[in-house]
């Protein structure tokens, strides 16, 4: 674990295919509060469009297989 924020916990992970160090942000209860869901969507939208050396980029978003009832996801980002 490398950090904890309002939306979830961040872990340092290693891509087994490339050996690259990445950050995995575990988000749970993402639809429990409408305001938090909107903020999370805004964060994802901004991070996906930004291209700056001082801002981490989102590499992937992992959602559970049971998509009709999912309430959590994992954001895979470059490790800072």
N, C-alpha and C. Protein backbone atom coordinates (compact mmCIF):
# COMPACT_ATOMS: atom_id res chain seq x y z
N UNK A 1 0.85 -1.17 0.00
CA UNK A 1 0.00 0.00 0.00
C UNK A 1 0.89 1.24 0.00
N UNK A 2 0.61 2.17 -0.89
CA UNK A 2 1.42 3.40 -0.95
C UNK A 2 0.62 4.64 -0.61
N UNK A 3 -0.70 4.50 -0.44
CA UNK A 3 -1.49 5.67 -0.09
C UNK A 3 -2.96 5.34 0.06
N UNK A 4 -3.67 6.31 0.66
CA UNK A 4 -5.10 6.15 0.87
C UNK A 4 -5.75 7.51 0.69
N UNK A 5 -6.82 7.57 -0.06
CA UNK A 5 -7.50 8.83 -0.29
C UNK A 5 -8.99 8.71 -0.06
N UNK A 6 -9.72 9.74 -0.48
CA UNK A 6 -11.16 9.77 -0.24
C UNK A 6 -11.90 8.71 -1.06
N UNK A 7 -11.36 8.32 -2.20
CA UNK A 7 -12.05 7.36 -3.05
C UNK A 7 -11.56 5.93 -2.88
N UNK A 8 -10.36 5.74 -2.34
CA UNK A 8 -9.88 4.38 -2.20
C UNK A 8 -8.42 4.31 -1.79
N UNK A 9 -7.89 3.09 -1.87
CA UNK A 9 -6.52 2.80 -1.47
C UNK A 9 -5.67 2.56 -2.72
N UNK A 10 -4.43 3.06 -2.69
CA UNK A 10 -3.53 2.91 -3.83
C UNK A 10 -2.41 1.94 -3.46
N UNK A 11 -2.18 0.99 -4.35
CA UNK A 11 -1.14 -0.03 -4.17
C UNK A 11 -0.11 0.07 -5.29
N UNK A 12 1.13 -0.22 -4.97
CA UNK A 12 2.18 -0.34 -5.99
C UNK A 12 2.12 -1.77 -6.53
N UNK A 13 1.96 -1.90 -7.84
CA UNK A 13 1.88 -3.22 -8.47
C UNK A 13 2.91 -3.29 -9.60
N UNK A 14 3.21 -4.49 -10.03
CA UNK A 14 4.15 -4.69 -11.13
C UNK A 14 3.45 -5.46 -12.24
N UNK A 15 3.51 -4.92 -13.46
CA UNK A 15 2.96 -5.60 -14.63
C UNK A 15 3.84 -6.81 -14.92
N UNK A 16 3.28 -8.00 -14.81
CA UNK A 16 4.08 -9.22 -14.98
C UNK A 16 4.55 -9.41 -16.42
N UNK A 17 3.89 -8.76 -17.38
CA UNK A 17 4.31 -8.90 -18.77
C UNK A 17 5.51 -8.02 -19.09
N UNK A 18 5.54 -6.79 -18.53
CA UNK A 18 6.59 -5.84 -18.88
C UNK A 18 7.56 -5.55 -17.74
N UNK A 19 7.19 -5.89 -16.51
CA UNK A 19 8.01 -5.56 -15.36
C UNK A 19 7.87 -4.12 -14.91
N UNK A 20 6.98 -3.38 -15.54
CA UNK A 20 6.78 -1.96 -15.22
C UNK A 20 6.04 -1.79 -13.89
N UNK A 21 6.49 -0.82 -13.09
CA UNK A 21 5.81 -0.50 -11.83
C UNK A 21 4.62 0.42 -12.13
N UNK A 22 3.47 0.06 -11.59
CA UNK A 22 2.25 0.83 -11.79
C UNK A 22 1.55 1.03 -10.45
N UNK A 23 0.59 1.93 -10.44
CA UNK A 23 -0.23 2.15 -9.25
C UNK A 23 -1.63 1.63 -9.53
N UNK A 24 -2.18 0.88 -8.58
CA UNK A 24 -3.54 0.36 -8.70
C UNK A 24 -4.39 1.02 -7.62
N UNK A 25 -5.37 1.81 -8.04
CA UNK A 25 -6.25 2.50 -7.10
C UNK A 25 -7.54 1.69 -6.99
N UNK A 26 -7.74 1.08 -5.82
CA UNK A 26 -8.90 0.24 -5.57
C UNK A 26 -10.06 1.12 -5.10
N UNK A 27 -11.12 1.18 -5.88
CA UNK A 27 -12.27 2.01 -5.57
C UNK A 27 -13.46 1.13 -5.24
N UNK A 28 -14.04 1.33 -4.07
CA UNK A 28 -15.19 0.54 -3.66
C UNK A 28 -16.35 1.48 -3.32
N UNK A 29 -17.56 0.96 -3.44
CA UNK A 29 -18.75 1.75 -3.14
C UNK A 29 -18.88 2.97 -4.03
N UNK A 30 -18.51 2.83 -5.30
CA UNK A 30 -18.42 3.99 -6.19
C UNK A 30 -19.78 4.61 -6.53
N UNK A 31 -20.85 3.86 -6.32
CA UNK A 31 -22.17 4.41 -6.61
C UNK A 31 -23.01 4.61 -5.34
N UNK A 32 -22.38 4.52 -4.17
CA UNK A 32 -23.11 4.67 -2.91
C UNK A 32 -23.59 6.10 -2.69
N UNK A 33 -22.81 7.07 -3.15
CA UNK A 33 -23.16 8.48 -2.99
C UNK A 33 -23.09 9.16 -4.35
N UNK A 34 -24.16 9.85 -4.74
CA UNK A 34 -24.23 10.47 -6.07
C UNK A 34 -23.13 11.50 -6.26
N UNK A 35 -22.88 12.32 -5.25
CA UNK A 35 -21.84 13.35 -5.36
C UNK A 35 -20.46 12.73 -5.54
N UNK A 36 -20.15 11.69 -4.77
CA UNK A 36 -18.86 11.02 -4.92
C UNK A 36 -18.73 10.35 -6.28
N UNK A 37 -19.82 9.77 -6.79
CA UNK A 37 -19.79 9.13 -8.12
C UNK A 37 -19.49 10.18 -9.20
N UNK A 38 -20.08 11.36 -9.07
CA UNK A 38 -19.82 12.43 -10.04
C UNK A 38 -18.37 12.90 -9.96
N UNK A 39 -17.84 13.02 -8.75
CA UNK A 39 -16.45 13.45 -8.58
C UNK A 39 -15.48 12.42 -9.16
N UNK A 40 -15.78 11.14 -8.93
CA UNK A 40 -14.94 10.09 -9.47
C UNK A 40 -14.97 10.09 -11.00
N UNK A 41 -16.14 10.26 -11.57
CA UNK A 41 -16.25 10.32 -13.03
C UNK A 41 -15.48 11.52 -13.58
N UNK A 42 -15.55 12.63 -12.88
CA UNK A 42 -14.80 13.83 -13.29
C UNK A 42 -13.30 13.56 -13.22
N UNK A 43 -12.84 12.91 -12.14
CA UNK A 43 -11.42 12.58 -12.00
C UNK A 43 -10.95 11.69 -13.14
N UNK A 44 -11.72 10.66 -13.45
CA UNK A 44 -11.35 9.74 -14.54
C UNK A 44 -11.33 10.48 -15.87
N UNK A 45 -12.33 11.30 -16.14
CA UNK A 45 -12.39 12.04 -17.40
C UNK A 45 -11.19 12.97 -17.56
N UNK A 46 -10.84 13.68 -16.49
CA UNK A 46 -9.72 14.61 -16.56
C UNK A 46 -8.41 13.85 -16.75
N UNK A 47 -8.19 12.80 -15.96
CA UNK A 47 -6.93 12.06 -16.07
C UNK A 47 -6.77 11.38 -17.43
N UNK A 48 -7.87 10.94 -18.04
CA UNK A 48 -7.77 10.28 -19.34
C UNK A 48 -7.42 11.27 -20.45
N UNK A 49 -7.75 12.55 -20.27
CA UNK A 49 -7.49 13.53 -21.32
C UNK A 49 -6.20 14.31 -21.12
N UNK A 50 -5.67 14.32 -19.91
CA UNK A 50 -4.46 15.10 -19.63
C UNK A 50 -3.21 14.40 -20.17
N UNK A 51 -2.30 15.19 -20.67
CA UNK A 51 -1.01 14.68 -21.14
C UNK A 51 0.06 15.66 -20.66
N UNK A 52 0.54 15.44 -19.44
CA UNK A 52 1.52 16.34 -18.84
C UNK A 52 2.46 15.51 -17.97
N UNK A 53 3.74 15.83 -17.96
CA UNK A 53 4.69 15.02 -17.18
C UNK A 53 4.43 15.04 -15.67
N UNK A 54 3.71 16.03 -15.15
CA UNK A 54 3.45 16.12 -13.71
C UNK A 54 2.12 15.51 -13.31
N UNK A 55 1.39 14.92 -14.25
CA UNK A 55 0.08 14.32 -13.96
C UNK A 55 0.12 12.86 -14.38
N UNK A 56 -0.26 11.96 -13.47
CA UNK A 56 -0.25 10.54 -13.80
C UNK A 56 -1.33 10.25 -14.84
N UNK A 57 -1.07 9.29 -15.69
CA UNK A 57 -2.05 8.93 -16.71
C UNK A 57 -2.69 7.59 -16.35
N UNK A 58 -3.94 7.45 -16.73
CA UNK A 58 -4.66 6.20 -16.50
C UNK A 58 -4.30 5.24 -17.63
N UNK A 59 -3.85 4.05 -17.27
CA UNK A 59 -3.50 3.03 -18.26
C UNK A 59 -4.68 2.12 -18.57
N UNK A 60 -5.49 1.83 -17.52
CA UNK A 60 -6.59 0.89 -17.70
C UNK A 60 -7.59 1.07 -16.56
N UNK A 61 -8.81 0.66 -16.80
CA UNK A 61 -9.84 0.62 -15.77
C UNK A 61 -10.38 -0.80 -15.75
N UNK A 62 -10.29 -1.45 -14.61
CA UNK A 62 -10.74 -2.83 -14.49
C UNK A 62 -12.05 -2.84 -13.71
N UNK A 63 -13.08 -3.43 -14.32
CA UNK A 63 -14.36 -3.56 -13.65
C UNK A 63 -14.67 -5.04 -13.47
N UNK A 64 -15.47 -5.39 -12.46
CA UNK A 64 -15.79 -6.80 -12.23
C UNK A 64 -16.55 -7.41 -13.41
N UNK A 65 -16.53 -8.73 -13.51
CA UNK A 65 -17.24 -9.42 -14.59
C UNK A 65 -18.75 -9.25 -14.51
N UNK A 66 -19.27 -9.08 -13.30
CA UNK A 66 -20.72 -8.94 -13.10
C UNK A 66 -21.10 -7.48 -13.26
N UNK A 67 -21.02 -6.95 -14.48
CA UNK A 67 -21.22 -5.52 -14.72
C UNK A 67 -22.60 -4.97 -14.39
N UNK A 68 -23.70 -5.73 -14.47
CA UNK A 68 -24.98 -5.11 -14.14
C UNK A 68 -25.10 -4.65 -12.68
N UNK A 69 -24.33 -5.25 -11.78
CA UNK A 69 -24.45 -4.88 -10.37
C UNK A 69 -23.12 -4.47 -9.74
N UNK A 70 -22.12 -4.11 -10.55
CA UNK A 70 -20.83 -3.79 -9.95
C UNK A 70 -20.89 -2.46 -9.19
N UNK A 71 -20.07 -2.37 -8.13
CA UNK A 71 -20.01 -1.16 -7.32
C UNK A 71 -18.57 -0.85 -6.94
N UNK A 72 -17.63 -1.41 -7.70
CA UNK A 72 -16.22 -1.16 -7.44
C UNK A 72 -15.46 -1.25 -8.77
N UNK A 73 -14.25 -0.68 -8.77
CA UNK A 73 -13.39 -0.80 -9.94
C UNK A 73 -11.96 -0.55 -9.49
N UNK A 74 -11.03 -0.80 -10.39
CA UNK A 74 -9.62 -0.58 -10.13
C UNK A 74 -9.07 0.30 -11.25
N UNK A 75 -8.46 1.43 -10.89
CA UNK A 75 -7.80 2.28 -11.86
C UNK A 75 -6.33 1.91 -11.88
N UNK A 76 -5.81 1.59 -13.05
CA UNK A 76 -4.39 1.30 -13.20
C UNK A 76 -3.74 2.55 -13.79
N UNK A 77 -2.77 3.10 -13.04
CA UNK A 77 -2.13 4.34 -13.45
C UNK A 77 -0.61 4.16 -13.42
N UNK A 78 0.09 5.04 -14.11
CA UNK A 78 1.54 4.99 -14.02
C UNK A 78 1.95 5.38 -12.60
N UNK A 79 2.98 4.75 -12.10
CA UNK A 79 3.46 5.05 -10.75
C UNK A 79 4.28 6.33 -10.80
N UNK A 80 4.01 7.20 -9.87
CA UNK A 80 4.72 8.49 -9.85
C UNK A 80 6.08 8.36 -9.20
